[in-house]
Amino acid sequence: MKKMLLSAALLIAAFSANAQEIVTIDGTTLGLNADAATEVAAGTEIGRTASGSVVATTLYTDKFKCVGMKKGTVSINGTQVSLPDGAAIQGSTNVSGSAASEGTYPTTGCAYRFTVSQDGYLYLIISASGNKNYVVFEEETSRMPYIFSMENSNGGDPNNALYYFDLSKMDGATYYDEEIGDYYVSPDFAIQQPSQIITGESVSTTGNGVIKFKVYADCKYDAMATGSKMTIGAFAFDTTGDADVITDTNTLLTKGQIPDGTTGITEVNTEKATDANAPAYNLAGQRVNRNAKGIVIVNGKKYINNK
């Protein structure tokens, strides 16, 4: 059996019908407050899109509390997303393992699962830190490439370029500046493990940020701050990936297409790949075992390994 991805025409139709679906997460509806952390069971729903295309839950049992986002609002393609004061949620336990540096999938800690039923793009609105590493797993195996950005300390020009320090892990051009030394411009501003971000102005120690990544129907995506706890206040879904996300300090958080890394792949196959000698890759382009759980790419085709 084969499952065809959405054609360009269907993508346009779906986007016209749904636009962005925006969900504000309100911990008070879960009985949480800012005074004391309360245990929340694994799989507890924290939000869903109106169409049901994305359902967000806690990944593991942990103690959560309500926390405030640093700034009050962001806008997505001009639609204001209100972030109620003290309503965003954060767990108490750092995720286990070394998810960012070694790709180890965690078994405990504060993490969030997004179960997706339609191809598109997810935007996670988080309380971000310039010195934290974030990671997104697909089907508990493949680390997803994503676009990450956060606001400047003093607002600033929304067209500022973002420069990322991560010289050893990505291909791209390296530049030198007298004030900041070596810095790196990543292709399409996409990074997997941000370590330091330069915008021409100081980056907020913490502030509103966004993680954007491509998602596929019938897959699960787990997001976390490795070695730490992610605070999330909202998320959005669309089918085009070109939404402008702007903070109330006029900082452009993200714009444009995320690199797919799977150019030319048009089908997902539920049967096993038949060429036993062909190498297998995950969606991030990394060589993997052919029996790896999740989506693997063999000879330019996607296969879903469910067992």
Protein backbone atom coordinates (compact mmCIF):
# COMPACT_ATOMS: atom_id res chain seq x y z
CA MET A 1 0.00 0.00 0.00
CA LYS A 2 1.27 3.49 -0.84
CA LYS A 3 0.29 6.77 0.68
CA MET A 4 0.70 9.73 -1.69
CA LEU A 5 1.86 13.05 -0.28
CA LEU A 6 -0.23 16.13 -0.99
CA SER A 7 0.26 17.58 -4.45
CA ALA A 8 1.01 21.26 -4.89
CA ALA A 9 -2.60 21.95 -5.84
CA LEU A 10 -3.91 20.16 -2.78
CA LEU A 11 -1.44 22.00 -0.59
CA ILE A 12 -2.80 25.30 -1.86
CA ALA A 13 -6.37 24.16 -1.32
CA ALA A 14 -5.64 22.91 2.18
CA PHE A 15 -3.85 26.11 3.11
CA SER A 16 -6.70 28.23 1.75
CA ALA A 17 -9.15 26.27 3.83
CA ASN A 18 -7.15 26.16 7.04
CA ALA A 19 -4.68 29.08 6.90
CA GLN A 20 -2.63 28.91 10.07
CA GLU A 21 -4.16 26.94 12.89
CA ILE A 22 -2.96 28.56 16.11
CA VAL A 23 -3.25 27.02 19.57
CA THR A 24 -2.53 28.86 22.83
CA ILE A 25 -1.50 26.57 25.67
CA ASP A 26 -3.09 27.48 28.99
CA GLY A 27 -1.80 25.52 31.95
CA THR A 28 -4.58 26.76 34.19
CA THR A 29 -7.02 24.55 32.26
CA LEU A 30 -4.91 21.58 33.41
CA GLY A 31 -5.24 22.69 37.01
CA LEU A 32 -1.69 24.06 37.10
CA ASN A 33 -0.52 27.21 38.82
CA ALA A 34 2.70 29.13 39.37
CA ASP A 35 3.04 28.37 43.07
CA ALA A 36 3.71 24.64 43.03
CA ALA A 37 4.38 21.99 40.39
CA THR A 38 1.67 19.37 39.91
CA GLU A 39 2.19 15.89 38.50
CA VAL A 40 0.78 15.50 34.99
CA ALA A 41 0.53 12.03 33.46
CA ALA A 42 2.24 11.06 30.23
CA GLY A 43 -0.03 11.54 27.24
CA THR A 44 -2.09 14.33 28.81
CA GLU A 45 -3.45 16.60 26.08
CA ILE A 46 -2.25 20.21 26.31
CA GLY A 47 -3.74 21.50 23.06
CA ARG A 48 -5.02 20.61 19.60
CA THR A 49 -5.75 22.41 16.35
CA ALA A 50 -9.39 23.01 15.44
CA SER A 51 -9.16 20.52 12.57
CA GLY A 52 -7.42 17.92 14.70
CA SER A 53 -4.40 17.95 12.38
CA VAL A 54 -2.07 18.30 15.38
CA VAL A 55 -2.61 17.05 18.93
CA ALA A 56 -0.08 18.08 21.59
CA THR A 57 0.49 16.03 24.73
CA THR A 58 3.04 15.58 27.48
CA LEU A 59 5.57 12.91 26.51
CA TYR A 60 6.41 11.64 29.99
CA THR A 61 4.90 11.94 33.44
CA ASP A 62 6.44 14.95 35.17
CA LYS A 63 5.55 17.76 37.55
CA PHE A 64 4.47 20.85 35.61
CA LYS A 65 3.69 24.42 36.59
CA CYS A 66 2.54 27.62 34.92
CA VAL A 67 5.19 30.15 33.97
CA GLY A 68 5.11 33.45 32.14
CA MET A 69 6.54 34.13 28.70
CA LYS A 70 8.88 37.12 28.65
CA LYS A 71 6.84 39.13 26.12
CA GLY A 72 3.09 39.26 25.83
CA THR A 73 2.38 38.44 22.21
CA VAL A 74 3.67 37.20 18.92
CA SER A 75 1.95 37.45 15.55
CA ILE A 76 1.77 34.82 12.84
CA ASN A 77 1.11 36.32 9.42
CA GLY A 78 -0.52 39.28 11.14
CA THR A 79 -2.70 37.24 13.50
CA GLN A 80 -1.93 38.15 17.10
CA VAL A 81 -1.28 35.19 19.37
CA SER A 82 -2.05 36.20 22.92
CA LEU A 83 0.18 34.56 25.52
CA PRO A 84 -1.73 34.92 28.80
CA ASP A 85 0.51 35.93 31.67
CA GLY A 86 1.55 32.90 33.68
CA ALA A 87 -0.24 30.37 31.46
CA ALA A 88 2.64 28.74 29.57
CA ILE A 89 3.78 25.39 30.95
CA GLN A 90 7.12 23.97 32.03
CA GLY A 91 8.09 20.65 33.58
CA SER A 92 10.40 20.07 36.52
CA THR A 93 12.77 17.39 35.25
CA ASN A 94 15.57 17.75 32.71
CA VAL A 95 15.30 15.27 29.83
CA SER A 96 17.55 12.25 30.24
CA GLY A 97 20.46 11.35 28.00
CA SER A 98 22.40 13.51 25.57
CA ALA A 99 19.73 14.13 22.96
CA ALA A 100 21.52 16.96 21.15
CA SER A 101 25.14 15.84 21.19
CA GLU A 102 24.68 12.12 20.57
CA GLY A 103 21.12 11.75 19.37
CA THR A 104 20.09 9.68 22.39
CA TYR A 105 16.32 9.52 22.70
CA PRO A 106 15.32 10.42 26.28
CA THR A 107 13.34 8.15 28.56
CA THR A 108 12.29 10.72 31.19
CA GLY A 109 11.88 14.44 31.64
CA CYS A 110 9.99 17.46 30.35
CA ALA A 111 9.17 16.93 26.68
CA TYR A 112 6.16 17.40 24.42
CA ARG A 113 4.68 15.13 21.75
CA PHE A 114 2.91 16.39 18.63
CA THR A 115 0.86 13.76 16.79
CA VAL A 116 0.25 14.91 13.23
CA SER A 117 -2.39 13.78 10.73
CA GLN A 118 -1.56 16.13 7.82
CA ASP A 119 1.62 17.08 5.99
CA GLY A 120 2.74 20.60 6.85
CA TYR A 121 4.87 22.67 9.21
CA LEU A 122 4.82 23.13 12.97
CA TYR A 123 5.78 26.35 14.75
CA LEU A 124 6.49 25.99 18.47
CA ILE A 125 6.33 29.29 20.38
CA ILE A 126 8.62 28.84 23.37
CA SER A 127 10.44 30.77 26.04
CA ALA A 128 13.85 30.45 24.41
CA SER A 129 17.39 30.78 25.64
CA GLY A 130 20.45 31.51 23.53
CA ASN A 131 22.52 29.00 25.49
CA LYS A 132 20.18 25.99 25.38
CA ASN A 133 20.14 23.17 22.87
CA TYR A 134 16.80 22.08 21.44
CA VAL A 135 16.03 18.85 19.66
CA VAL A 136 13.03 17.39 17.83
CA PHE A 137 12.72 13.66 17.23
CA GLU A 138 10.50 12.08 14.59
CA GLU A 139 9.07 8.68 15.49
CA GLU A 140 11.49 8.48 18.44
CA THR A 141 14.48 7.95 16.14
CA SER A 142 15.30 10.64 13.59
CA ARG A 143 16.40 14.10 14.72
CA MET A 144 14.61 16.67 12.59
CA PRO A 145 16.31 19.69 11.01
CA TYR A 146 14.59 22.87 12.11
CA ILE A 147 14.68 26.64 12.03
CA PHE A 148 15.26 28.29 15.40
CA SER A 149 15.17 31.98 16.25
CA MET A 150 14.61 34.20 19.27
CA GLU A 151 14.12 37.88 19.90
CA ASN A 152 16.81 40.48 20.45
CA SER A 153 17.23 42.24 23.78
CA ASN A 154 16.15 45.57 22.32
CA GLY A 155 13.78 44.53 19.57
CA GLY A 156 15.42 45.62 16.36
CA ASP A 157 15.06 45.40 12.63
CA PRO A 158 12.92 42.39 11.67
CA ASN A 159 15.13 41.92 8.62
CA ASN A 160 18.31 41.38 10.65
CA ALA A 161 20.28 38.36 9.49
CA LEU A 162 20.84 35.65 12.05
CA TYR A 163 24.32 34.22 12.49
CA TYR A 164 24.89 30.92 14.25
CA PHE A 165 27.96 29.58 16.03
CA ASP A 166 28.14 25.87 15.24
CA LEU A 167 31.19 25.65 13.02
CA SER A 168 31.83 21.94 13.35
CA LYS A 169 28.42 20.48 12.59
CA MET A 170 27.16 22.17 9.42
CA ASP A 171 28.30 22.99 5.92
CA GLY A 172 28.33 26.67 5.07
CA ALA A 173 30.34 29.87 4.94
CA THR A 174 32.39 31.07 7.90
CA TYR A 175 33.04 34.78 8.36
CA TYR A 176 35.05 36.94 10.74
CA ASP A 177 34.00 40.06 12.60
CA GLU A 178 36.30 42.12 14.83
CA GLU A 179 33.71 42.28 17.60
CA ILE A 180 32.47 38.70 17.66
CA GLY A 181 35.27 36.75 15.99
CA ASP A 182 34.40 33.80 13.78
CA TYR A 183 30.74 33.34 13.02
CA TYR A 184 28.74 31.15 10.72
CA VAL A 185 25.89 31.69 8.27
CA SER A 186 23.94 28.47 7.96
CA PRO A 187 22.11 27.47 4.77
CA ASP A 188 18.58 28.89 4.94
CA PHE A 189 19.19 29.70 8.62
CA ALA A 190 18.56 26.07 9.61
CA ILE A 191 20.41 24.51 12.53
CA GLN A 192 20.02 21.40 14.66
CA GLN A 193 21.88 22.32 17.82
CA PRO A 194 22.21 26.09 18.27
CA SER A 195 24.95 27.14 20.64
CA GLN A 196 25.19 30.90 20.18
CA ILE A 197 23.23 33.32 18.02
CA ILE A 198 24.49 36.68 16.74
CA THR A 199 22.08 39.24 15.27
CA GLY A 200 24.14 42.42 15.35
CA GLU A 201 22.52 43.19 18.70
CA SER A 202 22.58 41.36 22.00
CA VAL A 203 20.31 38.33 22.10
CA SER A 204 17.89 38.15 25.01
CA THR A 205 19.09 35.82 27.74
CA THR A 206 15.56 34.50 27.53
CA GLY A 207 12.75 35.67 25.31
CA ASN A 208 10.09 34.51 22.91
CA GLY A 209 11.43 32.14 20.32
CA VAL A 210 10.19 29.80 17.63
CA ILE A 211 11.18 26.34 16.47
CA LYS A 212 9.82 25.52 13.02
CA PHE A 213 10.06 22.14 11.32
CA LYS A 214 8.43 20.08 8.60
CA VAL A 215 5.98 17.37 9.64
CA TYR A 216 4.36 14.45 7.88
CA ALA A 217 0.96 12.84 8.29
CA ASP A 218 0.70 9.87 10.65
CA CYS A 219 3.98 10.68 12.40
CA LYS A 220 4.84 11.72 15.96
CA TYR A 221 7.27 14.51 16.85
CA ASP A 222 8.83 14.96 20.28
CA ALA A 223 10.31 18.36 21.20
CA MET A 224 12.52 19.17 24.17
CA ALA A 225 15.37 21.28 25.52
CA THR A 226 18.19 18.81 25.99
CA GLY A 227 19.59 18.76 29.50
CA SER A 228 16.90 21.22 30.49
CA LYS A 229 13.15 21.91 30.46
CA MET A 230 11.24 23.51 27.58
CA THR A 231 8.64 26.19 28.31
CA ILE A 232 5.92 26.29 25.65
CA GLY A 233 3.16 28.87 25.32
CA ALA A 234 1.62 28.18 21.90
CA PHE A 235 2.02 26.33 18.63
CA ALA A 236 0.78 26.75 15.09
CA PHE A 237 0.38 24.56 12.02
CA ASP A 238 0.21 25.39 8.33
CA THR A 239 0.77 23.58 5.06
CA THR A 240 3.10 26.07 3.37
CA GLY A 241 5.82 26.84 5.89
CA ASP A 242 6.10 30.50 4.89
CA ALA A 243 4.41 32.24 7.82
CA ASP A 244 6.04 35.36 9.27
CA VAL A 245 6.38 35.05 13.05
CA ILE A 246 7.04 38.44 14.66
CA THR A 247 7.32 39.37 18.34
CA ASP A 248 5.77 42.47 19.87
CA THR A 249 9.28 43.95 19.90
CA ASN A 250 9.19 43.79 16.09
CA THR A 251 11.76 41.01 15.86
CA LEU A 252 11.18 38.67 12.93
CA LEU A 253 11.51 35.17 14.32
CA THR A 254 11.14 33.17 11.14
CA LYS A 255 10.26 33.59 7.50
CA GLY A 256 10.48 31.41 4.43
CA GLN A 257 10.80 27.73 3.64
CA ILE A 258 12.60 25.21 5.79
CA PRO A 259 14.99 23.01 3.80
CA ASP A 260 13.30 19.67 3.26
CA GLY A 261 16.37 17.49 2.82
CA THR A 262 14.23 15.02 0.86
CA THR A 263 14.05 16.69 -2.56
CA GLY A 264 12.39 14.58 -5.21
CA ILE A 265 10.64 12.19 -2.84
CA THR A 266 6.94 12.07 -3.62
CA GLU A 267 5.64 8.92 -1.92
CA VAL A 268 5.64 7.18 1.43
CA ASN A 269 5.63 3.38 1.23
CA THR A 270 4.32 1.21 4.04
CA GLU A 271 5.95 -1.97 2.73
CA LYS A 272 9.59 -2.82 3.43
CA ALA A 273 12.30 -1.70 0.99
CA THR A 274 13.23 -4.62 -1.27
CA ASP A 275 16.82 -3.68 -2.25
CA ALA A 276 18.78 -5.27 0.59
CA ASN A 277 22.09 -3.67 -0.42
CA ALA A 278 20.93 -0.05 -0.75
CA PRO A 279 21.91 2.34 2.07
CA ALA A 280 19.18 3.87 4.24
CA TYR A 281 18.93 7.45 5.49
CA ASN A 282 16.67 9.35 7.87
CA LEU A 283 14.90 12.62 7.01
CA ALA A 284 17.90 14.63 8.22
CA GLY A 285 20.10 12.88 5.62
CA GLN A 286 21.95 10.77 8.19
CA ARG A 287 22.88 7.15 7.40
CA VAL A 288 20.81 4.79 9.56
CA ASN A 289 20.15 1.10 10.01
CA ARG A 290 17.58 -0.17 7.48
CA ASN A 291 15.42 -1.42 10.35
CA ALA A 292 15.43 1.92 12.17
CA LYS A 293 11.97 2.80 13.46
CA GLY A 294 10.19 5.63 11.68
CA ILE A 295 10.67 6.97 8.16
CA VAL A 296 13.77 5.81 6.28
CA ILE A 297 14.82 6.73 2.75
CA VAL A 298 16.06 4.01 0.39
CA ASN A 299 16.81 4.72 -3.28
CA GLY A 300 14.98 8.04 -3.06
CA LYS A 301 11.77 6.61 -1.59
CA LYS A 302 10.40 6.95 1.93
CA TYR A 303 9.50 3.81 3.86
CA ILE A 304 7.78 3.65 7.25
CA ASN A 305 9.21 1.08 9.65
CA ASN A 306 6.60 0.55 12.35
CA LYS A 307 8.23 -2.44 14.03
